[in-house]
Structures are given as structure tokens and as C-alpha cells.
Amino acid sequence: MIRRLMLALAAASLPAMAMAHDYPTMERVVYVESCMRDHPGPHYEMVSKCSCALDKLASQLTYDDFVGMTTAVNANSIGGERGSYIRDVDALQKQIRDFRKMQSQAFKDCFIGNTPR
């Protein structure tokens, strides 16, 4: 009975996994490790939750869009004049807001507590 249930669950998840964009393994590892650092908890639980969050993002964003948005988010915190090149561009600020909104929803869907740093 349990085996049938597990097979049914695996089969049901195949279409969702097939629709997700393909991200390089290294990028997935870096994202999950960063998420786990920002959201401490039991190791295997957080690996699962953080992987879930990345899968949610990958279902919505191409890898190129993901790289562009995460780069803008990370660069937004650069201080001084160099950082103003990011902070003063409305299109980049919209990307940052959109990514944070998507990430926040992914965290909520995957039962990850507080928001990242």
C-alpha cells in the first residue's frame, strides 16, 4: 500500500518537474547552501525546503532571468557611487522587487520561516 502511494506521488510530480527550467547543478547547490545559511534548522529538513524554494523559482524563471535578477538583488547592497548605478535604474529596481516577491512566495509555499537577509 505504501509503495503504491509513493509511486503515485512520484508519477504526479513528473509533469511539474518537466516544466521547470534547467539550472546548472552548481547554481542549485550554491542557492540551497545560501538558503540554509540564512534559515538555520535541521539539516535534511532545510535541504528539502530550500530545494523546494529553488524548484518553485525555476518553474517561473529561465536560468538567465534568475541570474540577472539575483545579480541585481546582490548588487543592490553595494554602497556609495558604484551602488547608485543599480539603485538609480528603475528597471533593475522592478526586477529586484519582482524577484523578492517570487522568492517570498516560494519560501511561504515551502514552509521556510523568516525572510532572508
PDB file of N, CA and C in Angstrom:
ATOM      1  N   MET A   1       0.824  -1.191   0.000  1.00  0.00           N
ATOM      2  CA  MET A   1       0.000   0.000   0.000  1.00  0.00           C
ATOM      3  C   MET A   1       0.873   1.261   0.000  1.00  0.00           C
ATOM      4  N   ILE A   2       1.860   1.301   0.890  1.00  0.00           N
ATOM      5  CA  ILE A   2       2.742   2.469   0.972  1.00  0.00           C
ATOM      6  C   ILE A   2       3.534   2.617  -0.315  1.00  0.00           C
ATOM      7  N   ARG A   3       3.961   1.508  -0.839  1.00  0.00           N
ATOM      8  CA  ARG A   3       4.741   1.547  -2.085  1.00  0.00           C
ATOM      9  C   ARG A   3       3.912   2.127  -3.235  1.00  0.00           C
ATOM     10  N   ARG A   4       2.649   1.737  -3.322  1.00  0.00           N
ATOM     11  CA  ARG A   4       1.774   2.272  -4.370  1.00  0.00           C
ATOM     12  C   ARG A   4       1.581   3.780  -4.205  1.00  0.00           C
ATOM     13  N   LEU A   5       1.414   4.200  -2.958  1.00  0.00           N
ATOM     14  CA  LEU A   5       1.242   5.621  -2.685  1.00  0.00           C
ATOM     15  C   LEU A   5       2.488   6.407  -3.098  1.00  0.00           C
ATOM     16  N   MET A   6       3.665   5.866  -2.778  1.00  0.00           N
ATOM     17  CA  MET A   6       4.911   6.540  -3.142  1.00  0.00           C
ATOM     18  C   MET A   6       5.064   6.622  -4.663  1.00  0.00           C
ATOM     19  N   LEU A   7       4.718   5.559  -5.373  1.00  0.00           N
ATOM     20  CA  LEU A   7       4.798   5.571  -6.832  1.00  0.00           C
ATOM     21  C   LEU A   7       3.811   6.574  -7.424  1.00  0.00           C
ATOM     22  N   ALA A   8       2.622   6.640  -6.848  1.00  0.00           N
ATOM     23  CA  ALA A   8       1.627   7.589  -7.337  1.00  0.00           C
ATOM     24  C   ALA A   8       2.101   9.025  -7.135  1.00  0.00           C
ATOM     25  N   LEU A   9       2.690   9.306  -5.982  1.00  0.00           N
ATOM     26  CA  LEU A   9       3.210  10.651  -5.713  1.00  0.00           C
ATOM     27  C   LEU A   9       4.348  11.004  -6.654  1.00  0.00           C
ATOM     28  N   ALA A  10       5.223  10.047  -6.905  1.00  0.00           N
ATOM     29  CA  ALA A  10       6.344  10.292  -7.824  1.00  0.00           C
ATOM     30  C   ALA A  10       5.835  10.559  -9.231  1.00  0.00           C
ATOM     31  N   ALA A  11       4.860   9.796  -9.670  1.00  0.00           N
ATOM     32  CA  ALA A  11       4.302   9.981 -11.010  1.00  0.00           C
ATOM     33  C   ALA A  11       3.591  11.326 -11.120  1.00  0.00           C
ATOM     34  N   ALA A  12       2.912  11.733 -10.072  1.00  0.00           N
ATOM     35  CA  ALA A  12       2.205  13.013 -10.093  1.00  0.00           C
ATOM     36  C   ALA A  12       3.159  14.186 -10.157  1.00  0.00           C
ATOM     37  N   SER A  13       4.350  14.044  -9.632  1.00  0.00           N
ATOM     38  CA  SER A  13       5.296  15.156  -9.626  1.00  0.00           C
ATOM     39  C   SER A  13       6.092  15.265 -10.921  1.00  0.00           C
ATOM     40  N   LEU A  14       6.063  14.272 -11.773  1.00  0.00           N
ATOM     41  CA  LEU A  14       6.841  14.309 -13.012  1.00  0.00           C
ATOM     42  C   LEU A  14       6.458  15.468 -13.922  1.00  0.00           C
ATOM     43  N   PRO A  15       5.183  15.735 -14.173  1.00  0.00           N
ATOM     44  CA  PRO A  15       4.882  16.864 -15.050  1.00  0.00           C
ATOM     45  C   PRO A  15       5.395  18.189 -14.490  1.00  0.00           C
ATOM     46  N   ALA A  16       5.303  18.386 -13.199  1.00  0.00           N
ATOM     47  CA  ALA A  16       5.788  19.632 -12.602  1.00  0.00           C
ATOM     48  C   ALA A  16       7.290  19.758 -12.766  1.00  0.00           C
ATOM     49  N   MET A  17       8.015  18.664 -12.565  1.00  0.00           N
ATOM     50  CA  MET A  17       9.467  18.714 -12.708  1.00  0.00           C
ATOM     51  C   MET A  17       9.853  18.941 -14.163  1.00  0.00           C
ATOM     52  N   ALA A  18       9.098  18.383 -15.105  1.00  0.00           N
ATOM     53  CA  ALA A  18       9.433  18.535 -16.513  1.00  0.00           C
ATOM     54  C   ALA A  18       9.231  19.975 -16.978  1.00  0.00           C
ATOM     55  N   MET A  19       8.328  20.721 -16.324  1.00  0.00           N
ATOM     56  CA  MET A  19       8.063  22.096 -16.722  1.00  0.00           C
ATOM     57  C   MET A  19       9.098  23.066 -16.169  1.00  0.00           C
ATOM     58  N   ALA A  20       9.829  22.680 -15.153  1.00  0.00           N
ATOM     59  CA  ALA A  20      10.809  23.581 -14.543  1.00  0.00           C
ATOM     60  C   ALA A  20      11.969  23.810 -15.503  1.00  0.00           C
ATOM     61  N   HIS A  21      12.514  25.018 -15.453  1.00  0.00           N
ATOM     62  CA  HIS A  21      13.690  25.320 -16.263  1.00  0.00           C
ATOM     63  C   HIS A  21      14.895  24.599 -15.673  1.00  0.00           C
ATOM     64  N   ASP A  22      15.820  24.263 -16.546  1.00  0.00           N
ATOM     65  CA  ASP A  22      17.003  23.536 -16.113  1.00  0.00           C
ATOM     66  C   ASP A  22      18.066  24.526 -15.648  1.00  0.00           C
ATOM     67  N   TYR A  23      18.469  24.398 -14.398  1.00  0.00           N
ATOM     68  CA  TYR A  23      19.522  25.220 -13.825  1.00  0.00           C
ATOM     69  C   TYR A  23      20.743  24.330 -13.625  1.00  0.00           C
ATOM     70  N   PRO A  24      21.946  24.885 -13.801  1.00  0.00           N
ATOM     71  CA  PRO A  24      23.147  24.086 -13.556  1.00  0.00           C
ATOM     72  C   PRO A  24      23.191  23.598 -12.107  1.00  0.00           C
ATOM     73  N   THR A  25      23.723  22.404 -11.916  1.00  0.00           N
ATOM     74  CA  THR A  25      23.791  21.808 -10.585  1.00  0.00           C
ATOM     75  C   THR A  25      24.533  22.718  -9.615  1.00  0.00           C
ATOM     76  N   MET A  26      25.620  23.304 -10.041  1.00  0.00           N
ATOM     77  CA  MET A  26      26.409  24.172  -9.170  1.00  0.00           C
ATOM     78  C   MET A  26      25.572  25.348  -8.665  1.00  0.00           C
ATOM     79  N   GLU A  27      24.773  25.942  -9.534  1.00  0.00           N
ATOM     80  CA  GLU A  27      23.915  27.057  -9.133  1.00  0.00           C
ATOM     81  C   GLU A  27      22.878  26.602  -8.110  1.00  0.00           C
ATOM     82  N   ARG A  28      22.339  25.403  -8.303  1.00  0.00           N
ATOM     83  CA  ARG A  28      21.376  24.856  -7.349  1.00  0.00           C
ATOM     84  C   ARG A  28      22.030  24.654  -5.978  1.00  0.00           C
ATOM     85  N   VAL A  29      23.234  24.121  -5.978  1.00  0.00           N
ATOM     86  CA  VAL A  29      23.946  23.871  -4.715  1.00  0.00           C
ATOM     87  C   VAL A  29      24.225  25.185  -3.997  1.00  0.00           C
ATOM     88  N   VAL A  30      24.705  26.180  -4.713  1.00  0.00           N
ATOM     89  CA  VAL A  30      25.024  27.477  -4.109  1.00  0.00           C
ATOM     90  C   VAL A  30      23.760  28.111  -3.524  1.00  0.00           C
ATOM     91  N   TYR A  31      22.663  28.056  -4.261  1.00  0.00           N
ATOM     92  CA  TYR A  31      21.413  28.647  -3.770  1.00  0.00           C
ATOM     93  C   TYR A  31      20.934  27.934  -2.503  1.00  0.00           C
ATOM     94  N   VAL A  32      20.930  26.608  -2.531  1.00  0.00           N
ATOM     95  CA  VAL A  32      20.446  25.844  -1.376  1.00  0.00           C
ATOM     96  C   VAL A  32      21.348  26.086  -0.161  1.00  0.00           C
ATOM     97  N   GLU A  33      22.658  26.097  -0.353  1.00  0.00           N
ATOM     98  CA  GLU A  33      23.565  26.360   0.768  1.00  0.00           C
ATOM     99  C   GLU A  33      23.339  27.757   1.356  1.00  0.00           C
ATOM    100  N   SER A  34      23.149  28.740   0.498  1.00  0.00           N
ATOM    101  CA  SER A  34      22.891  30.105   0.964  1.00  0.00           C
ATOM    102  C   SER A  34      21.570  30.179   1.723  1.00  0.00           C
ATOM    103  N   CYS A  35      20.560  29.533   1.203  1.00  0.00           N
ATOM    104  CA  CYS A  35      19.257  29.496   1.861  1.00  0.00           C
ATOM    105  C   CYS A  35      19.368  28.836   3.234  1.00  0.00           C
ATOM    106  N   MET A  36      20.114  27.742   3.307  1.00  0.00           N
ATOM    107  CA  MET A  36      20.284  27.036   4.577  1.00  0.00           C
ATOM    108  C   MET A  36      21.060  27.889   5.587  1.00  0.00           C
ATOM    109  N   ARG A  37      22.015  28.666   5.107  1.00  0.00           N
ATOM    110  CA  ARG A  37      22.776  29.545   5.991  1.00  0.00           C
ATOM    111  C   ARG A  37      21.861  30.649   6.546  1.00  0.00           C
ATOM    112  N   ASP A  38      20.987  31.166   5.690  1.00  0.00           N
ATOM    113  CA  ASP A  38      20.089  32.239   6.102  1.00  0.00           C
ATOM    114  C   ASP A  38      18.917  31.753   6.953  1.00  0.00           C
ATOM    115  N   HIS A  39      18.608  30.463   6.844  1.00  0.00           N
ATOM    116  CA  HIS A  39      17.465  29.882   7.566  1.00  0.00           C
ATOM    117  C   HIS A  39      17.918  28.611   8.280  1.00  0.00           C
ATOM    118  N   PRO A  40      18.607  28.763   9.403  1.00  0.00           N
ATOM    119  CA  PRO A  40      19.116  27.580  10.091  1.00  0.00           C
ATOM    120  C   PRO A  40      17.974  26.685  10.592  1.00  0.00           C
ATOM    121  N   GLY A  41      18.275  25.418  10.626  1.00  0.00           N
ATOM    122  CA  GLY A  41      17.323  24.423  11.111  1.00  0.00           C
ATOM    123  C   GLY A  41      17.905  23.046  10.917  1.00  0.00           C
ATOM    124  N   PRO A  42      17.107  22.016  11.148  1.00  0.00           N
ATOM    125  CA  PRO A  42      17.597  20.651  10.940  1.00  0.00           C
ATOM    126  C   PRO A  42      18.086  20.478   9.495  1.00  0.00           C
ATOM    127  N   HIS A  43      19.266  19.885   9.351  1.00  0.00           N
ATOM    128  CA  HIS A  43      19.952  19.822   8.052  1.00  0.00           C
ATOM    129  C   HIS A  43      19.067  19.269   6.929  1.00  0.00           C
ATOM    130  N   TYR A  44      18.564  18.067   7.064  1.00  0.00           N
ATOM    131  CA  TYR A  44      17.814  17.451   5.971  1.00  0.00           C
ATOM    132  C   TYR A  44      16.492  18.151   5.707  1.00  0.00           C
ATOM    133  N   GLU A  45      15.898  18.676   6.760  1.00  0.00           N
ATOM    134  CA  GLU A  45      14.653  19.440   6.586  1.00  0.00           C
ATOM    135  C   GLU A  45      14.914  20.688   5.753  1.00  0.00           C
ATOM    136  N   MET A  46      15.989  21.396   6.060  1.00  0.00           N
ATOM    137  CA  MET A  46      16.273  22.639   5.348  1.00  0.00           C
ATOM    138  C   MET A  46      16.789  22.377   3.935  1.00  0.00           C
ATOM    139  N   VAL A  47      17.501  21.276   3.719  1.00  0.00           N
ATOM    140  CA  VAL A  47      17.893  20.916   2.349  1.00  0.00           C
ATOM    141  C   VAL A  47      16.629  20.748   1.506  1.00  0.00           C
ATOM    142  N   SER A  48      15.668  20.048   2.057  1.00  0.00           N
ATOM    143  CA  SER A  48      14.415  19.806   1.341  1.00  0.00           C
ATOM    144  C   SER A  48      13.654  21.103   1.098  1.00  0.00           C
ATOM    145  N   LYS A  49      13.518  21.918   2.125  1.00  0.00           N
ATOM    146  CA  LYS A  49      12.760  23.169   1.995  1.00  0.00           C
ATOM    147  C   LYS A  49      13.428  24.147   1.037  1.00  0.00           C
ATOM    148  N   CYS A  50      14.743  24.288   1.140  1.00  0.00           N
ATOM    149  CA  CYS A  50      15.459  25.224   0.274  1.00  0.00           C
ATOM    150  C   CYS A  50      15.483  24.738  -1.174  1.00  0.00           C
ATOM    151  N   SER A  51      15.575  23.427  -1.370  1.00  0.00           N
ATOM    152  CA  SER A  51      15.482  22.864  -2.723  1.00  0.00           C
ATOM    153  C   SER A  51      14.106  23.111  -3.303  1.00  0.00           C
ATOM    154  N   CYS A  52      13.097  22.971  -2.470  1.00  0.00           N
ATOM    155  CA  CYS A  52      11.720  23.246  -2.886  1.00  0.00           C
ATOM    156  C   CYS A  52      11.594  24.690  -3.360  1.00  0.00           C
ATOM    157  N   ALA A  53      12.154  25.623  -2.606  1.00  0.00           N
ATOM    158  CA  ALA A  53      12.067  27.039  -2.972  1.00  0.00           C
ATOM    159  C   ALA A  53      12.732  27.289  -4.322  1.00  0.00           C
ATOM    160  N   LEU A  54      13.885  26.693  -4.544  1.00  0.00           N
ATOM    161  CA  LEU A  54      14.555  26.884  -5.831  1.00  0.00           C
ATOM    162  C   LEU A  54      13.749  26.251  -6.955  1.00  0.00           C
ATOM    163  N   ASP A  55      13.149  25.106  -6.717  1.00  0.00           N
ATOM    164  CA  ASP A  55      12.305  24.479  -7.734  1.00  0.00           C
ATOM    165  C   ASP A  55      11.128  25.384  -8.090  1.00  0.00           C
ATOM    166  N   LYS A  56      10.557  26.046  -7.091  1.00  0.00           N
ATOM    167  CA  LYS A  56       9.450  26.988  -7.344  1.00  0.00           C
ATOM    168  C   LYS A  56       9.934  28.140  -8.223  1.00  0.00           C
ATOM    169  N   LEU A  57      11.101  28.682  -7.905  1.00  0.00           N
ATOM    170  CA  LEU A  57      11.640  29.771  -8.713  1.00  0.00           C
ATOM    171  C   LEU A  57      11.962  29.295 -10.133  1.00  0.00           C
ATOM    172  N   ALA A  58      12.525  28.094 -10.227  1.00  0.00           N
ATOM    173  CA  ALA A  58      12.896  27.553 -11.538  1.00  0.00           C
ATOM    174  C   ALA A  58      11.671  27.282 -12.404  1.00  0.00           C
ATOM    175  N   SER A  59      10.525  27.069 -11.784  1.00  0.00           N
ATOM    176  CA  SER A  59       9.310  26.843 -12.576  1.00  0.00           C
ATOM    177  C   SER A  59       8.793  28.161 -13.159  1.00  0.00           C
ATOM    178  N   GLN A  60       9.268  29.296 -12.629  1.00  0.00           N
ATOM    179  CA  GLN A  60       8.795  30.600 -13.086  1.00  0.00           C
ATOM    180  C   GLN A  60       9.813  31.377 -13.908  1.00  0.00           C
ATOM    181  N   LEU A  61      11.093  31.097 -13.693  1.00  0.00           N
ATOM    182  CA  LEU A  61      12.148  31.892 -14.318  1.00  0.00           C
ATOM    183  C   LEU A  61      13.090  31.024 -15.135  1.00  0.00           C
ATOM    184  N   THR A  62      13.488  31.532 -16.293  1.00  0.00           N
ATOM    185  CA  THR A  62      14.566  30.865 -17.016  1.00  0.00           C
ATOM    186  C   THR A  62      15.838  31.059 -16.199  1.00  0.00           C
ATOM    187  N   TYR A  63      16.836  30.267 -16.484  1.00  0.00           N
ATOM    188  CA  TYR A  63      18.097  30.404 -15.755  1.00  0.00           C
ATOM    189  C   TYR A  63      18.696  31.789 -15.981  1.00  0.00           C
ATOM    190  N   ASP A  64      18.654  32.287 -17.209  1.00  0.00           N
ATOM    191  CA  ASP A  64      19.217  33.608 -17.500  1.00  0.00           C
ATOM    192  C   ASP A  64      18.496  34.701 -16.714  1.00  0.00           C
ATOM    193  N   ASP A  65      17.169  34.614 -16.619  1.00  0.00           N
ATOM    194  CA  ASP A  65      16.419  35.595 -15.827  1.00  0.00           C
ATOM    195  C   ASP A  65      16.775  35.485 -14.348  1.00  0.00           C
ATOM    196  N   PHE A  66      16.927  34.252 -13.860  1.00  0.00           N
ATOM    197  CA  PHE A  66      17.302  34.029 -12.466  1.00  0.00           C
ATOM    198  C   PHE A  66      18.657  34.671 -12.166  1.00  0.00           C
ATOM    199  N   VAL A  67      19.630  34.465 -13.045  1.00  0.00           N
ATOM    200  CA  VAL A  67      20.972  35.034 -12.850  1.00  0.00           C
ATOM    201  C   VAL A  67      20.902  36.557 -12.862  1.00  0.00           C
ATOM    202  N   GLY A  68      20.171  37.125 -13.808  1.00  0.00           N
ATOM    203  CA  GLY A  68      20.051  38.577 -13.877  1.00  0.00           C
ATOM    204  C   GLY A  68      19.402  39.171 -12.640  1.00  0.00           C
ATOM    205  N   MET A  69      18.338  38.526 -12.181  1.00  0.00           N
ATOM    206  CA  MET A  69      17.624  39.053 -11.019  1.00  0.00           C
ATOM    207  C   MET A  69      18.428  38.893  -9.732  1.00  0.00           C
ATOM    208  N   THR A  70      19.071  37.744  -9.545  1.00  0.00           N
ATOM    209  CA  THR A  70      19.859  37.562  -8.321  1.00  0.00           C
ATOM    210  C   THR A  70      21.091  38.462  -8.326  1.00  0.00           C
ATOM    211  N   THR A  71      21.646  38.721  -9.481  1.00  0.00           N
ATOM    212  CA  THR A  71      22.780  39.641  -9.579  1.00  0.00           C
ATOM    213  C   THR A  71      22.340  41.045  -9.175  1.00  0.00           C
ATOM    214  N   ALA A  72      21.184  41.468  -9.661  1.00  0.00           N
ATOM    215  CA  ALA A  72      20.665  42.792  -9.304  1.00  0.00           C
ATOM    216  C   ALA A  72      20.373  42.876  -7.807  1.00  0.00           C
ATOM    217  N   VAL A  73      19.793  41.821  -7.236  1.00  0.00           N
ATOM    218  CA  VAL A  73      19.493  41.800  -5.800  1.00  0.00           C
ATOM    219  C   VAL A  73      20.778  41.919  -4.999  1.00  0.00           C
ATOM    220  N   ASN A  74      21.790  41.153  -5.365  1.00  0.00           N
ATOM    221  CA  ASN A  74      23.058  41.185  -4.630  1.00  0.00           C
ATOM    222  C   ASN A  74      23.794  42.517  -4.825  1.00  0.00           C
ATOM    223  N   ALA A  75      23.746  43.065  -6.025  1.00  0.00           N
ATOM    224  CA  ALA A  75      24.450  44.317  -6.309  1.00  0.00           C
ATOM    225  C   ALA A  75      23.743  45.517  -5.700  1.00  0.00           C
ATOM    226  N   ASN A  76      22.480  45.373  -5.386  1.00  0.00           N
ATOM    227  CA  ASN A  76      21.700  46.481  -4.825  1.00  0.00           C
ATOM    228  C   ASN A  76      22.258  46.951  -3.480  1.00  0.00           C
ATOM    229  N   SER A  77      22.991  46.092  -2.803  1.00  0.00           N
ATOM    230  CA  SER A  77      23.519  46.448  -1.485  1.00  0.00           C
ATOM    231  C   SER A  77      24.909  47.091  -1.551  1.00  0.00           C
ATOM    232  N   ILE A  78      25.449  47.273  -2.739  1.00  0.00           N
ATOM    233  CA  ILE A  78      26.755  47.926  -2.875  1.00  0.00           C
ATOM    234  C   ILE A  78      26.606  49.392  -2.479  1.00  0.00           C
ATOM    235  N   GLY A  79      27.442  49.841  -1.596  1.00  0.00           N
ATOM    236  CA  GLY A  79      27.344  51.211  -1.108  1.00  0.00           C
ATOM    237  C   GLY A  79      28.006  52.214  -2.036  1.00  0.00           C
ATOM    238  N   GLY A  80      27.740  53.463  -1.781  1.00  0.00           N
ATOM    239  CA  GLY A  80      28.414  54.548  -2.478  1.00  0.00           C
ATOM    240  C   GLY A  80      27.979  54.745  -3.906  1.00  0.00           C
ATOM    241  N   GLU A  81      28.859  55.412  -4.647  1.00  0.00           N
ATOM    242  CA  GLU A  81      28.549  55.781  -6.023  1.00  0.00           C
ATOM    243  C   GLU A  81      28.384  54.562  -6.933  1.00  0.00           C
ATOM    244  N   ARG A  82      29.223  53.549  -6.714  1.00  0.00           N
ATOM    245  CA  ARG A  82      29.114  52.356  -7.561  1.00  0.00           C
ATOM    246  C   ARG A  82      27.739  51.698  -7.420  1.00  0.00           C
ATOM    247  N   GLY A  83      27.203  51.680  -6.212  1.00  0.00           N
ATOM    248  CA  GLY A  83      25.901  51.083  -5.986  1.00  0.00           C
ATOM    249  C   GLY A  83      24.761  51.879  -6.580  1.00  0.00           C
ATOM    250  N   SER A  84      24.991  53.167  -6.785  1.00  0.00           N
ATOM    251  CA  SER A  84      23.929  54.006  -7.349  1.00  0.00           C
ATOM    252  C   SER A  84      23.596  53.602  -8.782  1.00  0.00           C
ATOM    253  N   TYR A  85      24.533  52.956  -9.466  1.00  0.00           N
ATOM    254  CA  TYR A  85      24.258  52.501 -10.827  1.00  0.00           C
ATOM    255  C   TYR A  85      23.158  51.445 -10.834  1.00  0.00           C
ATOM    256  N   ILE A  86      23.002  50.738  -9.746  1.00  0.00           N
ATOM    257  CA  ILE A  86      21.927  49.751  -9.607  1.00  0.00           C
ATOM    258  C   ILE A  86      20.698  50.424  -9.000  1.00  0.00           C
ATOM    259  N   ARG A  87      20.901  51.156  -7.928  1.00  0.00           N
ATOM    260  CA  ARG A  87      19.783  51.754  -7.194  1.00  0.00           C
ATOM    261  C   ARG A  87      19.024  52.802  -7.996  1.00  0.00           C
ATOM    262  N   ASP A  88      19.670  53.467  -8.945  1.00  0.00           N
ATOM    263  CA  ASP A  88      19.034  54.552  -9.698  1.00  0.00           C
ATOM    264  C   ASP A  88      18.361  54.094 -10.987  1.00  0.00           C
ATOM    265  N   VAL A  89      18.380  52.808 -11.278  1.00  0.00           N
ATOM    266  CA  VAL A  89      17.773  52.309 -12.513  1.00  0.00           C
ATOM    267  C   VAL A  89      16.433  51.661 -12.164  1.00  0.00           C
ATOM    268  N   ASP A  90      15.356  52.285 -12.608  1.00  0.00           N
ATOM    269  CA  ASP A  90      14.009  51.812 -12.265  1.00  0.00           C
ATOM    270  C   ASP A  90      13.758  50.374 -12.731  1.00  0.00           C
ATOM    271  N   ALA A  91      14.250  50.028 -13.910  1.00  0.00           N
ATOM    272  CA  ALA A  91      14.017  48.671 -14.428  1.00  0.00           C
ATOM    273  C   ALA A  91      14.673  47.627 -13.519  1.00  0.00           C
ATOM    274  N   LEU A  92      15.864  47.922 -13.013  1.00  0.00           N
ATOM    275  CA  LEU A  92      16.536  46.988 -12.104  1.00  0.00           C
ATOM    276  C   LEU A  92      15.814  46.916 -10.768  1.00  0.00           C
ATOM    277  N   GLN A  93      15.321  48.045 -10.287  1.00  0.00           N
ATOM    278  CA  GLN A  93      14.580  48.042  -9.029  1.00  0.00           C
ATOM    279  C   GLN A  93      13.293  47.233  -9.161  1.00  0.00           C
ATOM    280  N   LYS A  94      12.665  47.288 -10.329  1.00  0.00           N
ATOM    281  CA  LYS A  94      11.464  46.471 -10.564  1.00  0.00           C
ATOM    282  C   LYS A  94      11.833  44.991 -10.553  1.00  0.00           C
ATOM    283  N   GLN A  95      12.942  44.643 -11.207  1.00  0.00           N
ATOM    284  CA  GLN A  95      13.411  43.251 -11.192  1.00  0.00           C
ATOM    285  C   GLN A  95      13.666  42.777  -9.766  1.00  0.00           C
ATOM    286  N   ILE A  96      14.281  43.615  -8.969  1.00  0.00           N
ATOM    287  CA  ILE A  96      14.592  43.265  -7.580  1.00  0.00           C
ATOM    288  C   ILE A  96      13.306  43.028  -6.800  1.00  0.00           C
ATOM    289  N   ARG A  97      12.347  43.937  -6.951  1.00  0.00           N
ATOM    290  CA  ARG A  97      11.053  43.771  -6.259  1.00  0.00           C
ATOM    291  C   ARG A  97      10.347  42.491  -6.719  1.00  0.00           C
ATOM    292  N   ASP A  98      10.349  42.245  -8.026  1.00  0.00           N
ATOM    293  CA  ASP A  98       9.692  41.046  -8.565  1.00  0.00           C
ATOM    294  C   ASP A  98      10.346  39.775  -8.035  1.00  0.00           C
ATOM    295  N   PHE A  99      11.681  39.757  -8.020  1.00  0.00           N
ATOM    296  CA  PHE A  99      12.379  38.564  -7.538  1.00  0.00           C
ATOM    297  C   PHE A  99      12.102  38.334  -6.063  1.00  0.00           C
ATOM    298  N   ARG A 100      12.170  39.389  -5.269  1.00  0.00           N
ATOM    299  CA  ARG A 100      11.910  39.245  -3.831  1.00  0.00           C
ATOM    300  C   ARG A 100      10.485  38.761  -3.579  1.00  0.00           C
ATOM    301  N   LYS A 101       9.553  39.226  -4.361  1.00  0.00           N
ATOM    302  CA  LYS A 101       8.161  38.780  -4.219  1.00  0.00           C
ATOM    303  C   LYS A 101       8.045  37.289  -4.568  1.00  0.00           C
ATOM    304  N   MET A 102       8.669  36.878  -5.681  1.00  0.00           N
ATOM    305  CA  MET A 102       8.645  35.463  -6.064  1.00  0.00           C
ATOM    306  C   MET A 102       9.325  34.595  -5.018  1.00  0.00           C
ATOM    307  N   GLN A 103      10.472  35.058  -4.518  1.00  0.00           N
ATOM    308  CA  GLN A 103      11.213  34.294  -3.525  1.00  0.00           C
ATOM    309  C   GLN A 103      10.418  34.198  -2.219  1.00  0.00           C
ATOM    310  N   SER A 104       9.790  35.268  -1.836  1.00  0.00           N
ATOM    311  CA  SER A 104       8.981  35.266  -0.617  1.00  0.00           C
ATOM    312  C   SER A 104       7.835  34.262  -0.733  1.00  0.00           C
ATOM    313  N   GLN A 105       7.191  34.233  -1.891  1.00  0.00           N
ATOM    314  CA  GLN A 105       6.104  33.276  -2.101  1.00  0.00           C
ATOM    315  C   GLN A 105       6.638  31.842  -2.113  1.00  0.00           C
ATOM    316  N   ALA A 106       7.802  31.638  -2.721  1.00  0.00           N
ATOM    317  CA  ALA A 106       8.406  30.298  -2.740  1.00  0.00           C
ATOM    318  C   ALA A 106       8.738  29.848  -1.325  1.00  0.00           C
ATOM    319  N   PHE A 107       9.276  30.744  -0.509  1.00  0.00           N
ATOM    320  CA  PHE A 107       9.570  30.403   0.884  1.00  0.00           C
ATOM    321  C   PHE A 107       8.292  30.048   1.633  1.00  0.00           C
ATOM    322  N   LYS A 108       7.257  30.808   1.400  1.00  0.00           N
ATOM    323  CA  LYS A 108       5.976  30.534   2.063  1.00  0.00           C
ATOM    324  C   LYS A 108       5.437  29.175   1.619  1.00  0.00           C
ATOM    325  N   ASP A 109       5.474  28.903   0.325  1.00  0.00           N
ATOM    326  CA  ASP A 109       4.974  27.629  -0.203  1.00  0.00           C
ATOM    327  C   ASP A 109       5.767  26.439   0.304  1.00  0.00           C
ATOM    328  N   CYS A 110       7.040  26.661   0.607  1.00  0.00           N
ATOM    329  CA  CYS A 110       7.918  25.572   1.045  1.00  0.00           C
ATOM    330  C   CYS A 110       8.138  25.576   2.561  1.00  0.00           C
ATOM    331  N   PHE A 111       7.351  26.358   3.272  1.00  0.00           N
ATOM    332  CA  PHE A 111       7.370  26.382   4.741  1.00  0.00           C
ATOM    333  C   PHE A 111       8.710  26.832   5.324  1.00  0.00           C
ATOM    334  N   ILE A 112       9.310  27.815   4.657  1.00  0.00           N
ATOM    335  CA  ILE A 112      10.534  28.399   5.184  1.00  0.00           C
ATOM    336  C   ILE A 112      10.125  29.644   5.943  1.00  0.00           C
ATOM    337  N   GLY A 113      10.578  29.731   7.176  1.00  0.00           N
ATOM    338  CA  GLY A 113      10.163  30.801   8.093  1.00  0.00           C
ATOM    339  C   GLY A 113      10.469  32.199   7.639  1.00  0.00           C
ATOM    340  N   ASN A 114      11.288  32.881   8.390  1.00  0.00           N
ATOM    341  CA  ASN A 114      11.555  34.306   8.157  1.00  0.00           C
ATOM    342  C   ASN A 114      12.198  34.562   6.809  1.00  0.00           C
ATOM    343  N   THR A 115      12.159  35.810   6.377  1.00  0.00           N
ATOM    344  CA  THR A 115      12.720  36.185   5.098  1.00  0.00           C
ATOM    345  C   THR A 115      14.245  36.217   5.164  1.00  0.00           C
ATOM    346  N   PRO A 116      14.920  36.057   4.017  1.00  0.00           N
ATOM    347  CA  PRO A 116      16.397  36.034   4.036  1.00  0.00           C
ATOM    348  C   PRO A 116      16.967  37.396   4.345  1.00  0.00           C
ATOM    349  N   ARG A 117      18.242  37.395   4.709  1.00  0.00           N
ATOM    350  CA  ARG A 117      18.957  38.645   4.986  1.00  0.00           C
ATOM    351  C   ARG A 117      19.066  39.503   3.765  1.00  0.00           C
TER     352      ARG A 117
END
